[in-house]
Amino acid sequence: SPLLSIVHCVDTVVWMDQMSSILSIDRHAKTVTVQAGATLAQLNRALEAEGLAFSNLPSVSGQTIGGAIATATHGSGMRAGLLSSAVLALEIATPAKGVLRLTRASSSPLFWAACCSLGVLGVVTEVTLQVEDAYALSVEQEPRTLDDVLVNFESVARSAEYVRFWWYPHTDWVLLNTADRVPPALAPPPRRPSLLSRLLSRVRFNVLQSALLASWIVTPLVPIINRVWRWLYFSSRARAIVCPIQFFNFDCLFMQHVDEWAVPLSEAAAALTGLRSLIEFRGYRAHFPVEVRFVPRDSVWLSNAHERDVVYIGVISYRPFGIDIQDFRKYFADFDALM
């Protein structure tokens, strides 16, 4: 979120792009050792070549592994934790103790602190991660009503290995996405989208961006945009077998402000009910989607999922053509207070 002062550095930024080598991949032990500046996209390609894969990934893969660990970056699924929980060992350069090597096997408390430190302990320079054999995912997309999901919340959360859903504010609908592992041979080979497909995708992108810009002047357009876009593109069931990246990563469209909170699994349905009431009562023109993701408990000290199952609930405010078209701060502040 742009409201968090920690991301507004006024002193020194450490850029790790010159420390981005993949140092080793152990096919037998299913581990990978990398310098902290390697990106998730770079790692995904290297692991794929060795028949390996991460157990879970976030929505985008452009960030470095060091940054992803430092911020407890997560995907979604009650059987696969955040990236920090895959760390087996790391090296961290500290101002007082020099370079420390910390391992999970050592049972050092500092290890669990360093697996998510927001950079305050030092600079992570090298990481060893647990990975696994490559797999494909059998993915199902299903429209359901928000009330149906809220009533059956915990069973929905555990209905598949990977679960996430998007709620479309100003509608009663969510798009539930679930995925379970299948043998990698079942996934069709990747194909480059046709010229027509790419053209239609670009047209769709620009139509939505222009409609959002128009809602800057005509604010009642936002609920209409949410309803129409959901009906056009997210209102039907679909099934497919895909490689994991196709499910984990997705296009976030335009620049946007984001505010995301983690709440205990047992309280998430009530939190979403409160968010719906907040939007209706305050008259906020909330952009789609409200993204809901699930993360199991872990041992990482600063993780939001430390010793508890959590649900991440994220709201957004789009910036079409780089323009802030609404005063998102009041909306976000009320959302913060609710959480």
Protein backbone atom coordinates (compact mmCIF):
# COMPACT_ATOMS: atom_id res chain seq x y z
CA SER A 1 0.00 0.00 0.00
CA PRO A 2 1.30 3.51 -0.75
CA LEU A 3 0.16 4.51 2.73
CA LEU A 4 2.86 2.43 4.39
CA SER A 5 5.82 4.64 5.22
CA ILE A 6 8.21 1.69 5.21
CA VAL A 7 8.19 1.59 1.41
CA HIS A 8 9.05 5.28 1.08
CA CYS A 9 12.80 5.17 1.55
CA VAL A 10 14.44 8.53 2.24
CA ASP A 11 17.93 7.14 2.83
CA THR A 12 19.58 4.28 0.92
CA VAL A 13 18.18 1.63 -1.39
CA VAL A 14 20.20 -1.55 -1.98
CA TRP A 15 19.84 -2.73 -5.58
CA MET A 16 20.64 -6.45 -5.92
CA ASP A 17 20.62 -6.91 -9.69
CA GLN A 18 24.37 -7.62 -9.75
CA MET A 19 23.87 -10.51 -7.30
CA SER A 20 21.36 -12.54 -9.25
CA SER A 21 23.14 -15.81 -10.04
CA ILE A 22 21.62 -19.25 -9.58
CA LEU A 23 24.44 -20.97 -7.69
CA SER A 24 23.26 -24.59 -7.68
CA ILE A 25 20.28 -26.84 -8.25
CA ASP A 26 20.27 -30.23 -6.50
CA ARG A 27 17.90 -32.42 -8.48
CA HIS A 28 18.08 -35.27 -5.97
CA ALA A 29 17.51 -33.18 -2.83
CA LYS A 30 15.11 -30.87 -4.67
CA THR A 31 16.81 -27.68 -3.52
CA VAL A 32 18.00 -24.53 -5.25
CA THR A 33 20.61 -22.07 -3.97
CA VAL A 34 20.54 -18.56 -5.42
CA GLN A 35 21.83 -15.09 -4.81
CA ALA A 36 19.17 -12.83 -3.36
CA GLY A 37 18.88 -10.65 -6.47
CA ALA A 38 17.60 -13.49 -8.67
CA THR A 39 13.98 -12.93 -9.69
CA LEU A 40 11.21 -15.47 -9.31
CA ALA A 41 10.78 -15.46 -13.10
CA GLN A 42 14.46 -16.32 -13.53
CA LEU A 43 14.18 -19.10 -10.96
CA ASN A 44 11.03 -20.51 -12.54
CA ARG A 45 12.78 -20.90 -15.89
CA ALA A 46 15.83 -22.58 -14.33
CA LEU A 47 13.73 -24.97 -12.26
CA GLU A 48 11.52 -25.88 -15.22
CA ALA A 49 14.62 -26.90 -17.17
CA GLU A 50 15.49 -29.32 -14.35
CA GLY A 51 11.99 -30.74 -13.96
CA LEU A 52 11.40 -28.90 -10.68
CA ALA A 53 9.01 -26.23 -9.43
CA PHE A 54 8.05 -24.09 -6.45
CA SER A 55 5.19 -25.39 -4.31
CA ASN A 56 3.46 -22.01 -4.43
CA LEU A 57 3.99 -18.61 -6.03
CA PRO A 58 2.58 -15.08 -5.75
CA SER A 59 0.55 -13.31 -8.43
CA VAL A 60 3.61 -11.75 -10.10
CA SER A 61 7.13 -13.07 -10.61
CA GLY A 62 9.18 -9.94 -11.26
CA GLN A 63 10.36 -9.50 -7.67
CA THR A 64 13.68 -10.78 -6.33
CA ILE A 65 13.82 -13.79 -4.05
CA GLY A 66 15.43 -11.64 -1.36
CA GLY A 67 12.60 -9.13 -1.49
CA ALA A 68 9.93 -11.83 -1.63
CA ILE A 69 11.31 -13.45 1.51
CA ALA A 70 11.81 -10.15 3.36
CA THR A 71 8.12 -9.29 2.91
CA ALA A 72 6.61 -12.78 3.44
CA THR A 73 5.28 -12.85 -0.11
CA HIS A 74 2.52 -15.45 -0.49
CA GLY A 75 0.33 -17.26 -2.94
CA SER A 76 -2.96 -18.90 -2.03
CA GLY A 77 -3.79 -22.34 -0.71
CA MET A 78 -4.21 -23.92 2.70
CA ARG A 79 -1.71 -26.68 1.91
CA ALA A 80 1.16 -24.52 0.63
CA GLY A 81 2.71 -21.75 2.69
CA LEU A 82 4.35 -18.48 1.79
CA LEU A 83 7.75 -18.36 0.09
CA SER A 84 9.57 -17.75 3.37
CA SER A 85 8.38 -21.14 4.61
CA ALA A 86 10.34 -22.82 1.79
CA VAL A 87 13.67 -21.38 3.00
CA LEU A 88 16.16 -23.99 4.22
CA ALA A 89 19.17 -21.72 4.69
CA LEU A 90 20.23 -18.16 4.03
CA GLU A 91 23.19 -15.83 4.31
CA ILE A 92 22.65 -12.33 5.65
CA ALA A 93 25.15 -9.47 5.82
CA THR A 94 24.69 -7.68 9.15
CA PRO A 95 26.25 -4.40 10.32
CA ALA A 96 27.47 -5.80 13.65
CA LYS A 97 28.17 -9.53 13.12
CA GLY A 98 29.31 -9.63 9.50
CA VAL A 99 27.92 -12.33 7.22
CA LEU A 100 25.84 -14.93 9.07
CA ARG A 101 24.75 -18.29 7.68
CA LEU A 102 21.48 -19.43 9.20
CA THR A 103 19.81 -22.79 8.61
CA ARG A 104 16.49 -24.30 9.52
CA ALA A 105 18.26 -27.43 10.79
CA SER A 106 20.22 -25.42 13.36
CA SER A 107 17.01 -24.49 15.21
CA SER A 108 18.41 -20.99 15.72
CA PRO A 109 15.64 -18.50 16.59
CA LEU A 110 17.43 -15.97 14.40
CA PHE A 111 16.67 -18.13 11.35
CA TRP A 112 12.91 -17.63 11.74
CA ALA A 113 13.46 -13.91 12.30
CA ALA A 114 15.58 -13.59 9.15
CA CYS A 115 13.03 -15.43 6.95
CA CYS A 116 10.91 -12.26 7.05
CA SER A 117 12.77 -9.25 8.39
CA LEU A 118 11.65 -6.31 6.20
CA GLY A 119 15.38 -5.63 5.80
CA VAL A 120 15.94 -4.52 9.40
CA LEU A 121 18.36 -7.33 10.32
CA GLY A 122 20.67 -6.83 7.38
CA VAL A 123 20.91 -7.65 3.68
CA VAL A 124 20.07 -11.20 2.61
CA THR A 125 22.68 -12.22 0.04
CA GLU A 126 22.04 -15.92 -0.58
CA VAL A 127 19.11 -18.30 -0.11
CA THR A 128 18.59 -22.06 -0.30
CA LEU A 129 14.99 -23.10 -0.96
CA GLN A 130 13.07 -26.36 -0.93
CA VAL A 131 11.39 -27.09 -4.25
CA GLU A 132 9.68 -30.17 -5.65
CA ASP A 133 9.14 -32.20 -8.78
CA ALA A 134 7.38 -30.39 -11.60
CA TYR A 135 3.62 -30.73 -11.77
CA ALA A 136 0.63 -29.42 -13.68
CA LEU A 137 -2.60 -28.06 -12.24
CA SER A 138 -6.17 -29.02 -12.96
CA VAL A 139 -7.92 -25.66 -12.63
CA GLU A 140 -11.62 -24.93 -12.22
CA GLN A 141 -13.24 -21.50 -12.45
CA GLU A 142 -16.71 -21.27 -10.93
CA PRO A 143 -19.04 -18.30 -10.38
CA ARG A 144 -20.77 -18.44 -6.99
CA THR A 145 -22.72 -15.99 -4.91
CA LEU A 146 -20.87 -14.20 -2.15
CA ASP A 147 -23.42 -15.35 0.44
CA ASP A 148 -22.91 -18.99 -0.58
CA VAL A 149 -19.15 -18.66 -0.18
CA LEU A 150 -19.45 -16.87 3.17
CA VAL A 151 -21.81 -19.49 4.62
CA ASN A 152 -19.45 -22.30 3.56
CA PHE A 153 -16.23 -20.35 4.04
CA GLU A 154 -13.94 -22.88 5.72
CA SER A 155 -15.05 -25.74 3.46
CA VAL A 156 -14.40 -23.52 0.43
CA ALA A 157 -10.95 -22.65 1.79
CA ARG A 158 -10.04 -26.34 2.03
CA SER A 159 -11.87 -27.53 -1.10
CA ALA A 160 -8.68 -27.83 -3.16
CA GLU A 161 -4.94 -27.55 -2.79
CA TYR A 162 -4.98 -24.01 -4.19
CA VAL A 163 -7.98 -21.75 -3.67
CA ARG A 164 -8.60 -18.06 -4.24
CA PHE A 165 -11.58 -15.98 -5.17
CA TRP A 166 -12.42 -12.52 -6.46
CA TRP A 167 -15.49 -10.67 -5.28
CA TYR A 168 -16.93 -8.06 -7.63
CA PRO A 169 -18.18 -5.16 -5.45
CA HIS A 170 -21.66 -3.85 -6.32
CA THR A 171 -22.62 -7.40 -7.30
CA ASP A 172 -23.47 -10.53 -5.32
CA TRP A 173 -20.99 -12.62 -7.29
CA VAL A 174 -17.53 -14.03 -6.77
CA LEU A 175 -15.29 -15.97 -9.12
CA LEU A 176 -13.89 -18.98 -7.29
CA ASN A 177 -10.64 -20.42 -8.66
CA THR A 178 -9.45 -23.82 -7.43
CA ALA A 179 -6.59 -26.03 -8.54
CA ASP A 180 -5.19 -29.47 -7.71
CA ARG A 181 -2.02 -31.16 -8.90
CA VAL A 182 -1.92 -33.60 -11.79
CA PRO A 183 1.04 -35.17 -13.63
CA PRO A 184 2.93 -32.59 -15.72
CA ALA A 185 2.53 -34.66 -18.88
CA LEU A 186 -1.19 -33.83 -18.88
CA ALA A 187 -0.57 -30.13 -19.45
CA PRO A 188 -0.71 -29.13 -23.12
CA PRO A 189 2.45 -27.53 -24.49
CA PRO A 190 2.44 -23.74 -24.20
CA ARG A 191 1.35 -21.93 -27.36
CA ARG A 192 1.90 -18.37 -28.37
CA PRO A 193 -1.44 -16.52 -28.51
CA SER A 194 -2.64 -15.83 -32.03
CA LEU A 195 -2.47 -12.34 -33.48
CA LEU A 196 -6.27 -12.05 -33.24
CA SER A 197 -6.22 -13.13 -29.59
CA ARG A 198 -3.54 -10.59 -28.74
CA LEU A 199 -5.42 -7.86 -30.61
CA LEU A 200 -8.70 -8.61 -28.79
CA SER A 201 -6.87 -8.67 -25.47
CA ARG A 202 -5.41 -5.24 -26.19
CA VAL A 203 -8.80 -3.86 -27.21
CA ARG A 204 -10.36 -5.23 -24.02
CA PHE A 205 -7.56 -3.69 -21.95
CA ASN A 206 -8.05 -0.24 -23.49
CA VAL A 207 -11.84 -0.36 -23.31
CA LEU A 208 -11.73 -1.12 -19.59
CA GLN A 209 -9.07 1.49 -18.93
CA SER A 210 -11.07 4.13 -20.81
CA ALA A 211 -14.28 3.17 -19.00
CA LEU A 212 -12.53 3.54 -15.65
CA LEU A 213 -11.20 6.94 -16.70
CA ALA A 214 -14.73 7.99 -17.66
CA SER A 215 -15.89 7.00 -14.17
CA TRP A 216 -13.65 9.79 -12.85
CA ILE A 217 -16.32 12.19 -14.13
CA VAL A 218 -19.38 9.95 -13.95
CA THR A 219 -18.83 8.02 -10.72
CA PRO A 220 -22.02 5.89 -11.00
CA LEU A 221 -20.27 4.12 -13.88
CA VAL A 222 -18.14 2.06 -11.46
CA PRO A 223 -20.91 -0.36 -10.38
CA ILE A 224 -21.97 -0.70 -14.02
CA ILE A 225 -18.39 -1.46 -15.10
CA ASN A 226 -18.08 -4.11 -12.38
CA ARG A 227 -21.34 -5.80 -13.38
CA VAL A 228 -20.74 -5.71 -17.13
CA TRP A 229 -17.13 -6.87 -16.95
CA ARG A 230 -18.01 -9.75 -14.66
CA TRP A 231 -20.88 -10.80 -16.93
CA LEU A 232 -18.76 -10.62 -20.08
CA TYR A 233 -15.64 -12.42 -18.90
CA PHE A 234 -16.10 -14.03 -15.48
CA SER A 235 -19.64 -15.41 -15.36
CA SER A 236 -19.17 -18.92 -16.73
CA ARG A 237 -17.60 -22.13 -15.48
CA ALA A 238 -14.38 -23.29 -17.05
CA ARG A 239 -11.88 -26.11 -16.60
CA ALA A 240 -8.36 -26.54 -17.90
CA ILE A 241 -5.06 -28.24 -17.19
CA VAL A 242 -2.23 -25.72 -17.13
CA CYS A 243 1.34 -25.29 -15.97
CA PRO A 244 1.51 -23.76 -12.46
CA ILE A 245 2.69 -20.33 -13.62
CA GLN A 246 -0.48 -19.91 -15.68
CA PHE A 247 -2.55 -20.28 -12.52
CA PHE A 248 -0.37 -18.56 -9.93
CA ASN A 249 0.56 -15.50 -12.00
CA PHE A 250 -2.01 -13.21 -13.58
CA ASP A 251 -2.15 -9.85 -15.30
CA CYS A 252 -2.83 -7.08 -12.76
CA LEU A 253 -3.89 -4.79 -15.64
CA PHE A 254 -3.15 -1.15 -14.80
CA MET A 255 -1.29 0.76 -12.15
CA GLN A 256 -3.21 0.59 -8.91
CA HIS A 257 -3.20 1.34 -5.21
CA VAL A 258 -3.58 -1.76 -3.06
CA ASP A 259 -4.50 -2.27 0.58
CA GLU A 260 -4.32 -5.86 1.85
CA TRP A 261 -4.88 -7.27 5.31
CA ALA A 262 -4.52 -10.74 6.80
CA VAL A 263 -7.23 -11.87 9.21
CA PRO A 264 -7.64 -15.21 11.03
CA LEU A 265 -9.45 -17.80 8.95
CA SER A 266 -12.19 -18.05 11.57
CA GLU A 267 -12.96 -14.32 11.26
CA ALA A 268 -12.62 -13.82 7.50
CA ALA A 269 -16.28 -14.36 6.58
CA ALA A 270 -17.32 -11.71 9.10
CA ALA A 271 -14.64 -9.35 7.75
CA LEU A 272 -15.95 -9.72 4.19
CA THR A 273 -19.52 -9.22 5.36
CA GLY A 274 -18.38 -6.04 7.08
CA LEU A 275 -16.57 -4.87 3.94
CA ARG A 276 -19.70 -5.33 1.84
CA SER A 277 -21.73 -3.33 4.38
CA LEU A 278 -19.04 -0.64 4.51
CA ILE A 279 -19.08 -0.14 0.74
CA GLU A 280 -22.88 0.03 0.69
CA PHE A 281 -23.24 2.30 3.75
CA ARG A 282 -20.49 4.75 2.80
CA GLY A 283 -21.38 4.74 -0.89
CA TYR A 284 -17.84 3.92 -2.03
CA ARG A 285 -17.41 3.16 -5.73
CA ALA A 286 -15.19 0.13 -5.19
CA HIS A 287 -13.19 -1.21 -8.12
CA PHE A 288 -13.16 -4.94 -8.84
CA PRO A 289 -11.93 -7.30 -7.64
CA VAL A 290 -11.65 -7.71 -3.91
CA GLU A 291 -9.11 -10.52 -3.89
CA VAL A 292 -9.26 -13.22 -1.21
CA ARG A 293 -6.36 -15.63 -0.68
CA PHE A 294 -5.60 -18.30 1.91
CA VAL A 295 -2.33 -19.05 3.72
CA PRO A 296 -1.69 -21.80 6.31
CA ARG A 297 0.07 -21.23 9.62
CA ASP A 298 3.86 -21.13 9.72
CA SER A 299 6.78 -20.50 12.10
CA VAL A 300 8.15 -17.29 10.55
CA TRP A 301 8.15 -14.65 13.28
CA LEU A 302 6.96 -11.62 11.29
CA SER A 303 4.65 -13.59 9.02
CA ASN A 304 0.99 -12.64 9.22
CA ALA A 305 0.39 -16.41 9.34
CA HIS A 306 2.64 -16.98 12.37
CA GLU A 307 1.01 -19.88 14.23
CA ARG A 308 -2.42 -19.20 12.69
CA ASP A 309 -4.26 -19.88 9.43
CA VAL A 310 -5.04 -16.58 7.74
CA VAL A 311 -7.02 -15.09 4.90
CA TYR A 312 -5.63 -12.15 2.94
CA ILE A 313 -8.27 -9.67 1.82
CA GLY A 314 -7.12 -7.04 -0.67
CA VAL A 315 -8.92 -3.98 -2.06
CA ILE A 316 -7.70 -1.87 -4.96
CA SER A 317 -8.09 1.51 -6.60
CA TYR A 318 -7.11 1.56 -10.27
CA ARG A 319 -5.06 4.35 -11.82
CA PRO A 320 -6.07 4.27 -15.51
CA PHE A 321 -3.47 6.03 -17.66
CA GLY A 322 -1.59 6.74 -14.41
CA ILE A 323 -4.34 8.99 -13.03
CA ASP A 324 -5.80 8.77 -9.52
CA ILE A 325 -9.48 8.84 -10.43
CA GLN A 326 -10.86 8.60 -6.91
CA ASP A 327 -9.91 9.51 -3.37
CA PHE A 328 -8.99 6.03 -2.28
CA ARG A 329 -7.60 7.17 1.08
CA LYS A 330 -10.99 7.40 2.82
CA TYR A 331 -12.00 4.00 1.44
CA PHE A 332 -8.71 2.46 2.52
CA ALA A 333 -8.81 4.14 5.95
CA ASP A 334 -12.28 2.75 6.63
CA PHE A 335 -11.15 -0.66 5.39
CA ASP A 336 -8.15 -0.48 7.74
CA ALA A 337 -10.39 0.38 10.68
CA LEU A 338 -12.71 -2.51 9.84
CA MET A 339 -9.86 -4.98 9.72
